[in-house]
PDB file of N, CA and C in Angstrom:
ATOM      1  N   MET A   1       0.714  -1.348  -0.088  1.00  0.00           N
ATOM      2  CA  MET A   1       0.000   0.132   0.153  1.00  0.00           C
ATOM      3  C   MET A   1       0.721   1.181  -0.250  1.00  0.00           C
ATOM      4  N   LEU A   2       0.687   2.243  -0.377  1.00  0.00           N
ATOM      5  CA  LEU A   2       0.882   3.580  -0.649  1.00  0.00           C
ATOM      6  C   LEU A   2       0.288   4.482  -0.101  1.00  0.00           C
ATOM      7  N   ILE A   3       1.126   5.225   0.684  1.00  0.00           N
ATOM      8  CA  ILE A   3       0.345   6.610   1.261  1.00  0.00           C
ATOM      9  C   ILE A   3       0.582   7.775   0.185  1.00  0.00           C
ATOM     10  N   TYR A   4      -0.142   8.399  -0.063  1.00  0.00           N
ATOM     11  CA  TYR A   4       0.131  10.252  -1.092  1.00  0.00           C
ATOM     12  C   TYR A   4      -0.057  11.189   0.400  1.00  0.00           C
ATOM     13  N   ASN A   5       0.772  11.727   0.478  1.00  0.00           N
ATOM     14  CA  ASN A   5       0.889  12.988   1.377  1.00  0.00           C
ATOM     15  C   ASN A   5       0.911  14.224   0.828  1.00  0.00           C
ATOM     16  N   THR A   6       0.335  14.963   1.148  1.00  0.00           N
ATOM     17  CA  THR A   6       0.295  16.176   0.870  1.00  0.00           C
ATOM     18  C   THR A   6       0.714  17.216   2.033  1.00  0.00           C
ATOM     19  N   THR A   7       2.067  18.219   2.296  1.00  0.00           N
ATOM     20  CA  THR A   7       1.954  19.173   3.336  1.00  0.00           C
ATOM     21  C   THR A   7       1.349  20.357   2.925  1.00  0.00           C
ATOM     22  N   TYR A   8       0.803  21.120   3.373  1.00  0.00           N
ATOM     23  CA  TYR A   8       0.356  22.506   3.210  1.00  0.00           C
ATOM     24  C   TYR A   8       0.743  23.599   4.357  1.00  0.00           C
ATOM     25  N   HIS A   9       1.437  24.128   3.243  1.00  0.00           N
ATOM     26  CA  HIS A   9       1.680  25.871   4.195  1.00  0.00           C
ATOM     27  C   HIS A   9       0.520  26.756   3.976  1.00  0.00           C
ATOM     28  N   VAL A  10      -0.429  26.840   5.228  1.00  0.00           N
ATOM     29  CA  VAL A  10      -1.124  28.099   4.740  1.00  0.00           C
ATOM     30  C   VAL A  10      -0.998  29.501   5.628  1.00  0.00           C
ATOM     31  N   GLU A  11      -1.452  30.494   5.341  1.00  0.00           N
ATOM     32  CA  GLU A  11      -1.203  31.582   5.911  1.00  0.00           C
ATOM     33  C   GLU A  11      -2.007  31.781   6.816  1.00  0.00           C
ATOM     34  N   GLU A  12      -1.844  32.158   8.142  1.00  0.00           N
ATOM     35  CA  GLU A  12      -2.556  32.160   9.160  1.00  0.00           C
ATOM     36  C   GLU A  12      -4.224  32.701   8.999  1.00  0.00           C
ATOM     37  N   SER A  13      -4.072  33.679   8.601  1.00  0.00           N
ATOM     38  CA  SER A  13      -5.209  33.979   8.647  1.00  0.00           C
ATOM     39  C   SER A  13      -6.288  33.721   7.603  1.00  0.00           C
ATOM     40  N   ASP A  14      -5.967  32.764   6.383  1.00  0.00           N
ATOM     41  CA  ASP A  14      -7.116  31.952   5.874  1.00  0.00           C
ATOM     42  C   ASP A  14      -6.614  30.467   5.757  1.00  0.00           C
ATOM     43  N   ALA A  15      -6.280  30.101   7.491  1.00  0.00           N
ATOM     44  CA  ALA A  15      -6.089  29.005   7.964  1.00  0.00           C
ATOM     45  C   ALA A  15      -7.607  28.377   7.668  1.00  0.00           C
ATOM     46  N   ARG A  16      -8.744  28.948   8.693  1.00  0.00           N
ATOM     47  CA  ARG A  16     -10.029  28.543   8.978  1.00  0.00           C
ATOM     48  C   ARG A  16     -10.686  28.284   7.629  1.00  0.00           C
ATOM     49  N   ASN A  17     -10.809  29.000   6.512  1.00  0.00           N
ATOM     50  CA  ASN A  17     -11.218  29.212   5.261  1.00  0.00           C
ATOM     51  C   ASN A  17     -10.301  27.944   4.324  1.00  0.00           C
ATOM     52  N   PHE A  18      -9.643  27.359   4.710  1.00  0.00           N
ATOM     53  CA  PHE A  18      -8.550  26.628   4.220  1.00  0.00           C
ATOM     54  C   PHE A  18      -9.140  25.217   4.347  1.00  0.00           C
ATOM     55  N   LEU A  19      -9.577  25.094   5.584  1.00  0.00           N
ATOM     56  CA  LEU A  19      -9.602  24.301   6.245  1.00  0.00           C
ATOM     57  C   LEU A  19     -11.097  23.641   5.854  1.00  0.00           C
ATOM     58  N   ILE A  20     -11.800  24.884   6.092  1.00  0.00           N
ATOM     59  CA  ILE A  20     -13.501  24.217   5.772  1.00  0.00           C
ATOM     60  C   ILE A  20     -13.538  23.815   3.971  1.00  0.00           C
ATOM     61  N   TRP A  21     -12.673  24.375   3.177  1.00  0.00           N
ATOM     62  CA  TRP A  21     -12.716  24.039   1.570  1.00  0.00           C
ATOM     63  C   TRP A  21     -12.165  22.350   1.638  1.00  0.00           C
ATOM     64  N   LEU A  22     -10.952  22.290   2.514  1.00  0.00           N
ATOM     65  CA  LEU A  22     -10.768  20.928   2.298  1.00  0.00           C
ATOM     66  C   LEU A  22     -11.711  19.768   2.321  1.00  0.00           C
ATOM     67  N   THR A  23     -12.325  20.365   4.304  1.00  0.00           N
ATOM     68  CA  THR A  23     -13.332  19.300   4.121  1.00  0.00           C
ATOM     69  C   THR A  23     -14.729  19.078   4.004  1.00  0.00           C
ATOM     70  N   GLU A  24     -15.135  20.402   3.207  1.00  0.00           N
ATOM     71  CA  GLU A  24     -15.996  20.568   2.443  1.00  0.00           C
ATOM     72  C   GLU A  24     -16.169  19.933   0.914  1.00  0.00           C
ATOM     73  N   ARG A  25     -15.315  20.555   0.285  1.00  0.00           N
ATOM     74  CA  ARG A  25     -14.761  20.464  -1.255  1.00  0.00           C
ATOM     75  C   ARG A  25     -14.314  19.188  -1.418  1.00  0.00           C
ATOM     76  N   TYR A  26     -12.872  19.674  -1.069  1.00  0.00           N
ATOM     77  CA  TYR A  26     -11.563  18.699  -1.817  1.00  0.00           C
ATOM     78  C   TYR A  26     -11.522  17.219  -1.382  1.00  0.00           C
ATOM     79  N   ILE A  27     -12.264  16.704   0.178  1.00  0.00           N
ATOM     80  CA  ILE A  27     -11.794  15.260   0.532  1.00  0.00           C
ATOM     81  C   ILE A  27     -12.885  14.673  -0.231  1.00  0.00           C
ATOM     82  N   PRO A  28     -14.526  15.273  -0.265  1.00  0.00           N
ATOM     83  CA  PRO A  28     -15.487  14.467  -0.535  1.00  0.00           C
ATOM     84  C   PRO A  28     -15.245  14.313  -2.318  1.00  0.00           C
ATOM     85  N   ALA A  29     -14.570  15.494  -3.187  1.00  0.00           N
ATOM     86  CA  ALA A  29     -14.728  15.191  -4.197  1.00  0.00           C
ATOM     87  C   ALA A  29     -13.663  14.183  -4.609  1.00  0.00           C
ATOM     88  N   VAL A  30     -12.713  13.716  -4.112  1.00  0.00           N
ATOM     89  CA  VAL A  30     -11.664  13.234  -4.339  1.00  0.00           C
ATOM     90  C   VAL A  30     -12.014  11.534  -3.548  1.00  0.00           C
ATOM     91  N   LEU A  31     -13.077  11.765  -2.604  1.00  0.00           N
ATOM     92  CA  LEU A  31     -13.697  10.358  -2.091  1.00  0.00           C
ATOM     93  C   LEU A  31     -14.096  10.013  -3.274  1.00  0.00           C
ATOM     94  N   SER A  32     -14.994  10.742  -3.961  1.00  0.00           N
ATOM     95  CA  SER A  32     -15.826  10.451  -5.131  1.00  0.00           C
ATOM     96  C   SER A  32     -15.472   9.580  -6.209  1.00  0.00           C
ATOM     97  N   SER A  33     -13.994   9.709  -6.306  1.00  0.00           N
ATOM     98  CA  SER A  33     -13.470   8.899  -7.368  1.00  0.00           C
ATOM     99  C   SER A  33     -13.423   7.417  -7.161  1.00  0.00           C
ATOM    100  N   GLY A  34     -12.963   6.763  -5.973  1.00  0.00           N
ATOM    101  CA  GLY A  34     -12.855   5.699  -5.644  1.00  0.00           C
ATOM    102  C   GLY A  34     -11.329   5.682  -5.710  1.00  0.00           C
ATOM    103  N   MET A  35     -10.736   6.170  -5.691  1.00  0.00           N
ATOM    104  CA  MET A  35      -8.973   5.666  -6.233  1.00  0.00           C
ATOM    105  C   MET A  35      -8.706   5.807  -5.127  1.00  0.00           C
ATOM    106  N   LEU A  36      -8.960   7.038  -4.219  1.00  0.00           N
ATOM    107  CA  LEU A  36      -7.457   7.461  -2.970  1.00  0.00           C
ATOM    108  C   LEU A  36      -8.957   7.331  -1.818  1.00  0.00           C
ATOM    109  N   ARG A  37      -8.403   6.588  -0.842  1.00  0.00           N
ATOM    110  CA  ARG A  37      -8.853   6.584   0.197  1.00  0.00           C
ATOM    111  C   ARG A  37      -8.241   6.687   1.804  1.00  0.00           C
ATOM    112  N   SER A  38      -8.845   6.738   2.926  1.00  0.00           N
ATOM    113  CA  SER A  38      -8.952   7.105   3.941  1.00  0.00           C
ATOM    114  C   SER A  38      -8.123   7.906   4.151  1.00  0.00           C
ATOM    115  N   PRO A  39      -9.039   9.118   4.279  1.00  0.00           N
ATOM    116  CA  PRO A  39      -8.167  10.637   4.455  1.00  0.00           C
ATOM    117  C   PRO A  39      -7.556  10.720   5.791  1.00  0.00           C
ATOM    118  N   LYS A  40      -6.522  11.303   5.920  1.00  0.00           N
ATOM    119  CA  LYS A  40      -5.991  11.513   7.476  1.00  0.00           C
ATOM    120  C   LYS A  40      -5.590  13.091   7.483  1.00  0.00           C
ATOM    121  N   LEU A  41      -6.317  13.726   7.831  1.00  0.00           N
ATOM    122  CA  LEU A  41      -5.997  15.243   8.023  1.00  0.00           C
ATOM    123  C   LEU A  41      -5.084  15.359   9.814  1.00  0.00           C
ATOM    124  N   SER A  42      -3.959  16.079   9.571  1.00  0.00           N
ATOM    125  CA  SER A  42      -3.130  16.548  10.602  1.00  0.00           C
ATOM    126  C   SER A  42      -2.381  17.962  10.704  1.00  0.00           C
ATOM    127  N   ASP A  43      -2.427  18.562  11.935  1.00  0.00           N
ATOM    128  CA  ASP A  43      -1.780  19.717  12.280  1.00  0.00           C
ATOM    129  C   ASP A  43      -0.623  19.626  12.240  1.00  0.00           C
ATOM    130  N   VAL A  44       0.546  20.243  11.598  1.00  0.00           N
ATOM    131  CA  VAL A  44       1.768  19.899  12.147  1.00  0.00           C
ATOM    132  C   VAL A  44       2.008  21.060  13.265  1.00  0.00           C
ATOM    133  N   LEU A  45       2.912  20.223  14.581  1.00  0.00           N
ATOM    134  CA  LEU A  45       3.016  21.254  15.461  1.00  0.00           C
ATOM    135  C   LEU A  45       3.776  21.526  15.403  1.00  0.00           C
ATOM    136  N   SER A  46       5.330  21.094  14.695  1.00  0.00           N
ATOM    137  CA  SER A  46       6.290  21.776  14.770  1.00  0.00           C
ATOM    138  C   SER A  46       6.549  22.250  13.326  1.00  0.00           C
ATOM    139  N   HIS A  47       7.653  23.339  13.202  1.00  0.00           N
ATOM    140  CA  HIS A  47       8.140  23.823  12.029  1.00  0.00           C
ATOM    141  C   HIS A  47       7.425  24.662  11.358  1.00  0.00           C
ATOM    142  N   ASN A  48       6.815  25.422  12.121  1.00  0.00           N
ATOM    143  CA  ASN A  48       5.755  26.297  11.486  1.00  0.00           C
ATOM    144  C   ASN A  48       6.387  27.718  11.724  1.00  0.00           C
ATOM    145  N   GLU A  49       5.921  28.616  10.519  1.00  0.00           N
ATOM    146  CA  GLU A  49       6.813  29.722  10.192  1.00  0.00           C
ATOM    147  C   GLU A  49       5.862  30.602  10.819  1.00  0.00           C
ATOM    148  N   PRO A  50       6.524  31.960  11.670  1.00  0.00           N
ATOM    149  CA  PRO A  50       5.034  32.670  12.394  1.00  0.00           C
ATOM    150  C   PRO A  50       4.561  33.251  11.260  1.00  0.00           C
ATOM    151  N   GLY A  51       3.135  33.267  11.614  1.00  0.00           N
ATOM    152  CA  GLY A  51       1.562  33.771  10.816  1.00  0.00           C
ATOM    153  C   GLY A  51       1.551  32.347   9.771  1.00  0.00           C
ATOM    154  N   SER A  52       1.839  31.406  10.011  1.00  0.00           N
ATOM    155  CA  SER A  52       1.125  30.532   8.938  1.00  0.00           C
ATOM    156  C   SER A  52       0.941  29.250  10.013  1.00  0.00           C
ATOM    157  N   LYS A  53      -0.083  28.389   9.395  1.00  0.00           N
ATOM    158  CA  LYS A  53      -0.101  27.065   9.779  1.00  0.00           C
ATOM    159  C   LYS A  53       0.036  26.134   8.634  1.00  0.00           C
ATOM    160  N   THR A  54       0.413  24.643   9.114  1.00  0.00           N
ATOM    161  CA  THR A  54       0.997  23.738   8.353  1.00  0.00           C
ATOM    162  C   THR A  54      -0.100  22.628   8.509  1.00  0.00           C
ATOM    163  N   TYR A  55      -0.520  21.893   7.721  1.00  0.00           N
ATOM    164  CA  TYR A  55      -1.400  20.749   7.513  1.00  0.00           C
ATOM    165  C   TYR A  55      -0.476  19.779   6.861  1.00  0.00           C
ATOM    166  N   THR A  56      -0.933  18.333   7.245  1.00  0.00           N
ATOM    167  CA  THR A  56      -0.656  17.356   5.923  1.00  0.00           C
ATOM    168  C   THR A  56      -1.983  16.845   5.862  1.00  0.00           C
ATOM    169  N   LEU A  57      -2.199  15.831   4.632  1.00  0.00           N
ATOM    170  CA  LEU A  57      -3.424  15.059   4.418  1.00  0.00           C
ATOM    171  C   LEU A  57      -2.518  13.876   3.946  1.00  0.00           C
ATOM    172  N   GLN A  58      -3.378  12.937   4.356  1.00  0.00           N
ATOM    173  CA  GLN A  58      -2.879  11.752   3.649  1.00  0.00           C
ATOM    174  C   GLN A  58      -3.637  10.703   3.284  1.00  0.00           C
ATOM    175  N   TRP A  59      -3.671   9.989   1.821  1.00  0.00           N
ATOM    176  CA  TRP A  59      -4.529   9.179   1.530  1.00  0.00           C
ATOM    177  C   TRP A  59      -3.713   7.731   1.184  1.00  0.00           C
ATOM    178  N   GLU A  60      -4.500   6.393   1.710  1.00  0.00           N
ATOM    179  CA  GLU A  60      -4.325   5.574   1.085  1.00  0.00           C
ATOM    180  C   GLU A  60      -4.154   5.350  -0.562  1.00  0.00           C
ATOM    181  N   VAL A  61      -3.383   4.508  -1.298  1.00  0.00           N
ATOM    182  CA  VAL A  61      -3.898   4.280  -2.342  1.00  0.00           C
ATOM    183  C   VAL A  61      -3.048   3.150  -2.917  1.00  0.00           C
ATOM    184  N   ASP A  62      -3.529   2.133  -3.771  1.00  0.00           N
ATOM    185  CA  ASP A  62      -3.004   1.014  -4.200  1.00  0.00           C
ATOM    186  C   ASP A  62      -1.733   0.963  -4.813  1.00  0.00           C
ATOM    187  N   ASP A  63      -1.529   1.771  -5.988  1.00  0.00           N
ATOM    188  CA  ASP A  63      -0.146   1.869  -6.455  1.00  0.00           C
ATOM    189  C   ASP A  63       0.073   3.164  -7.117  1.00  0.00           C
ATOM    190  N   SER A  64       1.099   3.327  -7.970  1.00  0.00           N
ATOM    191  CA  SER A  64       1.773   4.626  -8.320  1.00  0.00           C
ATOM    192  C   SER A  64       1.099   4.563  -9.314  1.00  0.00           C
ATOM    193  N   ARG A  65       0.106   3.783 -10.535  1.00  0.00           N
ATOM    194  CA  ARG A  65      -0.539   3.864 -11.905  1.00  0.00           C
ATOM    195  C   ARG A  65      -2.012   4.751 -11.358  1.00  0.00           C
ATOM    196  N   THR A  66      -2.657   4.022 -10.146  1.00  0.00           N
ATOM    197  CA  THR A  66      -3.846   4.618  -9.939  1.00  0.00           C
ATOM    198  C   THR A  66      -3.673   6.003  -9.508  1.00  0.00           C
ATOM    199  N   LEU A  67      -2.729   6.349  -8.536  1.00  0.00           N
ATOM    200  CA  LEU A  67      -2.387   7.875  -8.166  1.00  0.00           C
ATOM    201  C   LEU A  67      -2.137   8.681  -9.278  1.00  0.00           C
ATOM    202  N   HIS A  68      -1.194   8.622 -10.068  1.00  0.00           N
ATOM    203  CA  HIS A  68      -1.254   8.997 -11.504  1.00  0.00           C
ATOM    204  C   HIS A  68      -2.530   9.315 -12.478  1.00  0.00           C
ATOM    205  N   GLN A  69      -3.227   8.100 -12.276  1.00  0.00           N
ATOM    206  CA  GLN A  69      -4.606   8.366 -13.380  1.00  0.00           C
ATOM    207  C   GLN A  69      -5.400   9.575 -12.278  1.00  0.00           C
ATOM    208  N   TRP A  70      -5.389   9.321 -11.313  1.00  0.00           N
ATOM    209  CA  TRP A  70      -6.547   9.826 -10.352  1.00  0.00           C
ATOM    210  C   TRP A  70      -5.913  11.828 -10.540  1.00  0.00           C
ATOM    211  N   HIS A  71      -4.533  11.537 -10.736  1.00  0.00           N
ATOM    212  CA  HIS A  71      -3.699  13.284 -10.306  1.00  0.00           C
ATOM    213  C   HIS A  71      -4.386  13.510 -11.995  1.00  0.00           C
ATOM    214  N   THR A  72      -4.091  12.813 -12.868  1.00  0.00           N
ATOM    215  CA  THR A  72      -5.055  13.355 -14.846  1.00  0.00           C
ATOM    216  C   THR A  72      -5.997  14.045 -14.693  1.00  0.00           C
ATOM    217  N   LYS A  73      -7.376  13.093 -14.166  1.00  0.00           N
ATOM    218  CA  LYS A  73      -8.833  12.486 -14.164  1.00  0.00           C
ATOM    219  C   LYS A  73      -9.080  13.927 -13.036  1.00  0.00           C
ATOM    220  N   GLN A  74      -8.468  14.212 -12.131  1.00  0.00           N
ATOM    221  CA  GLN A  74      -9.329  14.842 -11.219  1.00  0.00           C
ATOM    222  C   GLN A  74      -8.351  15.593 -10.536  1.00  0.00           C
ATOM    223  N   GLY A  75      -6.804  15.286  -9.860  1.00  0.00           N
ATOM    224  CA  GLY A  75      -5.968  15.673  -9.036  1.00  0.00           C
ATOM    225  C   GLY A  75      -5.837  17.228  -9.669  1.00  0.00           C
ATOM    226  N   CYS A  76      -5.440  17.666 -11.080  1.00  0.00           N
ATOM    227  CA  CYS A  76      -5.224  18.585 -11.566  1.00  0.00           C
ATOM    228  C   CYS A  76      -6.076  19.481 -11.268  1.00  0.00           C
ATOM    229  N   GLY A  77      -7.079  19.351 -11.768  1.00  0.00           N
ATOM    230  CA  GLY A  77      -8.293  20.017 -11.646  1.00  0.00           C
ATOM    231  C   GLY A  77      -8.487  20.542 -10.408  1.00  0.00           C
ATOM    232  N   LEU A  78      -8.546  19.984  -9.160  1.00  0.00           N
ATOM    233  CA  LEU A  78      -8.685  20.291  -7.604  1.00  0.00           C
ATOM    234  C   LEU A  78      -7.651  21.165  -7.062  1.00  0.00           C
ATOM    235  N   ASN A  79      -6.265  20.962  -8.145  1.00  0.00           N
ATOM    236  CA  ASN A  79      -5.346  21.859  -7.993  1.00  0.00           C
ATOM    237  C   ASN A  79      -5.533  23.331  -8.174  1.00  0.00           C
ATOM    238  N   GLU A  80      -5.879  23.153  -9.266  1.00  0.00           N
ATOM    239  CA  GLU A  80      -6.101  24.732  -9.772  1.00  0.00           C
ATOM    240  C   GLU A  80      -7.678  25.521  -9.140  1.00  0.00           C
ATOM    241  N   GLU A  81      -8.589  24.549  -8.709  1.00  0.00           N
ATOM    242  CA  GLU A  81      -9.535  25.876  -8.006  1.00  0.00           C
ATOM    243  C   GLU A  81      -8.816  25.987  -6.799  1.00  0.00           C
ATOM    244  N   LEU A  82      -8.108  25.115  -5.908  1.00  0.00           N
ATOM    245  CA  LEU A  82      -7.291  25.581  -4.947  1.00  0.00           C
ATOM    246  C   LEU A  82      -6.344  26.978  -5.112  1.00  0.00           C
ATOM    247  N   LEU A  83      -5.882  26.898  -5.973  1.00  0.00           N
ATOM    248  CA  LEU A  83      -4.887  28.209  -6.935  1.00  0.00           C
ATOM    249  C   LEU A  83      -6.046  29.162  -6.640  1.00  0.00           C
ATOM    250  N   ARG A  84      -7.187  28.875  -7.571  1.00  0.00           N
ATOM    251  CA  ARG A  84      -8.213  30.102  -7.793  1.00  0.00           C
ATOM    252  C   ARG A  84      -8.533  30.641  -6.315  1.00  0.00           C
ATOM    253  N   ALA A  85      -8.645  29.863  -5.286  1.00  0.00           N
ATOM    254  CA  ALA A  85      -9.440  30.106  -4.168  1.00  0.00           C
ATOM    255  C   ALA A  85      -8.461  30.921  -3.131  1.00  0.00           C
ATOM    256  N   PHE A  86      -7.293  30.319  -3.347  1.00  0.00           N
ATOM    257  CA  PHE A  86      -6.292  30.791  -2.236  1.00  0.00           C
ATOM    258  C   PHE A  86      -4.917  31.434  -2.998  1.00  0.00           C
ATOM    259  N   LYS A  87      -4.971  31.677  -4.218  1.00  0.00           N
ATOM    260  CA  LYS A  87      -3.854  32.156  -5.037  1.00  0.00           C
ATOM    261  C   LYS A  87      -2.882  31.782  -4.024  1.00  0.00           C
ATOM    262  N   ASN A  88      -1.368  32.387  -3.591  1.00  0.00           N
ATOM    263  CA  ASN A  88      -0.458  32.002  -3.064  1.00  0.00           C
ATOM    264  C   ASN A  88      -0.241  31.923  -1.665  1.00  0.00           C
ATOM    265  N   LYS A  89      -1.583  32.161  -0.878  1.00  0.00           N
ATOM    266  CA  LYS A  89      -1.529  31.755   0.488  1.00  0.00           C
ATOM    267  C   LYS A  89      -1.557  30.763   0.997  1.00  0.00           C
ATOM    268  N   VAL A  90      -1.646  29.571  -0.002  1.00  0.00           N
ATOM    269  CA  VAL A  90      -1.681  28.168   0.633  1.00  0.00           C
ATOM    270  C   VAL A  90      -0.580  27.821  -0.503  1.00  0.00           C
ATOM    271  N   VAL A  91       0.489  26.735  -0.008  1.00  0.00           N
ATOM    272  CA  VAL A  91       1.595  25.957  -1.020  1.00  0.00           C
ATOM    273  C   VAL A  91       1.042  24.597  -0.379  1.00  0.00           C
ATOM    274  N   GLY A  92       1.662  23.729  -1.320  1.00  0.00           N
ATOM    275  CA  GLY A  92       1.129  22.230  -1.079  1.00  0.00           C
ATOM    276  C   GLY A  92       2.330  21.408  -1.791  1.00  0.00           C
ATOM    277  N   PHE A  93       2.954  20.467  -0.806  1.00  0.00           N
ATOM    278  CA  PHE A  93       4.171  19.498  -1.325  1.00  0.00           C
ATOM    279  C   PHE A  93       3.887  18.084  -1.048  1.00  0.00           C
ATOM    280  N   PRO A  94       3.415  17.522  -2.177  1.00  0.00           N
ATOM    281  CA  PRO A  94       3.361  16.113  -2.358  1.00  0.00           C
ATOM    282  C   PRO A  94       4.324  15.341  -2.186  1.00  0.00           C
ATOM    283  N   THR A  95       4.199  14.257  -1.515  1.00  0.00           N
ATOM    284  CA  THR A  95       5.121  13.164  -1.378  1.00  0.00           C
ATOM    285  C   THR A  95       4.368  11.440  -1.341  1.00  0.00           C
ATOM    286  N   LEU A  96       4.971  10.616  -2.258  1.00  0.00           N
ATOM    287  CA  LEU A  96       4.281   9.134  -2.232  1.00  0.00           C
ATOM    288  C   LEU A  96       5.664   8.567  -1.249  1.00  0.00           C
ATOM    289  N   LEU A  97       4.451   7.357  -0.515  1.00  0.00           N
ATOM    290  CA  LEU A  97       5.347   7.322   0.793  1.00  0.00           C
ATOM    291  C   LEU A  97       4.704   5.536   0.141  1.00  0.00           C
ATOM    292  N   GLU A  98       5.758   4.789   0.874  1.00  0.00           N
ATOM    293  CA  GLU A  98       5.230   3.324   0.858  1.00  0.00           C
ATOM    294  C   GLU A  98       5.500   2.469   2.762  1.00  0.00           C
ATOM    295  N   SER A  99       3.986   1.871   2.713  1.00  0.00           N
ATOM    296  CA  SER A  99       4.095   1.477   4.136  1.00  0.00           C
ATOM    297  C   SER A  99       5.245   0.615   4.828  1.00  0.00           C
ATOM    298  N   ILE A 100       5.616   0.355   5.716  1.00  0.00           N
ATOM    299  CA  ILE A 100       6.901  -1.094   5.956  1.00  0.00           C
ATOM    300  C   ILE A 100       6.102  -1.431   7.011  1.00  0.00           C
ATOM    301  N   GLU A 101       6.329  -2.714   6.911  1.00  0.00           N
ATOM    302  CA  GLU A 101       5.938  -3.493   7.854  1.00  0.00           C
ATOM    303  C   GLU A 101       6.448  -3.741   8.961  1.00  0.00           C
ATOM    304  N   LEU A 102       6.221  -3.876  10.555  1.00  0.00           N
ATOM    305  CA  LEU A 102       6.888  -3.972  11.203  1.00  0.00           C
ATOM    306  C   LEU A 102       6.820  -4.931  11.842  1.00  0.00           C
ATOM    307  N   PRO A 103       7.413  -5.713  12.847  1.00  0.00           N
ATOM    308  CA  PRO A 103       7.385  -6.961  13.441  1.00  0.00           C
ATOM    309  C   PRO A 103       6.343  -6.712  14.665  1.00  0.00           C
ATOM    310  N   GLN A 104       5.677  -7.159  15.241  1.00  0.00           N
ATOM    311  CA  GLN A 104       4.696  -7.147  16.305  1.00  0.00           C
ATOM    312  C   GLN A 104       5.804  -6.718  17.862  1.00  0.00           C
ATOM    313  N   TYR A 105       5.045  -5.700  18.431  1.00  0.00           N
ATOM    314  CA  TYR A 105       5.903  -5.020  19.200  1.00  0.00           C
ATOM    315  C   TYR A 105       5.365  -5.153  20.489  1.00  0.00           C
ATOM    316  N   ASP A 106       5.472  -5.981  21.775  1.00  0.00           N
ATOM    317  CA  ASP A 106       4.771  -6.152  23.149  1.00  0.00           C
ATOM    318  C   ASP A 106       5.240  -5.069  24.273  1.00  0.00           C
TER     319      ASP A 106
END
């Protein structure tokens, strides 16, 4: 399983509106595609610049081919929507991760 992570740096004055857009528009739209699943939204508590907030949004995806299909069919359009809504006040940095199975720890 792969994890598609995007870290967002948001101007503090737009953080509330960004979270509303993310939870009411972006996440439901992505879920409707059926290609990405199990969204996890986190507030990054370290590495924040003064006047900004940092969030991560992670999705599970089966493979890089599926992620590429989602990106070309839907992701690019949603990114353009993000840019129209927030201009340069939100910057996202995507990362593709692979889960590593750990042994059982007691």
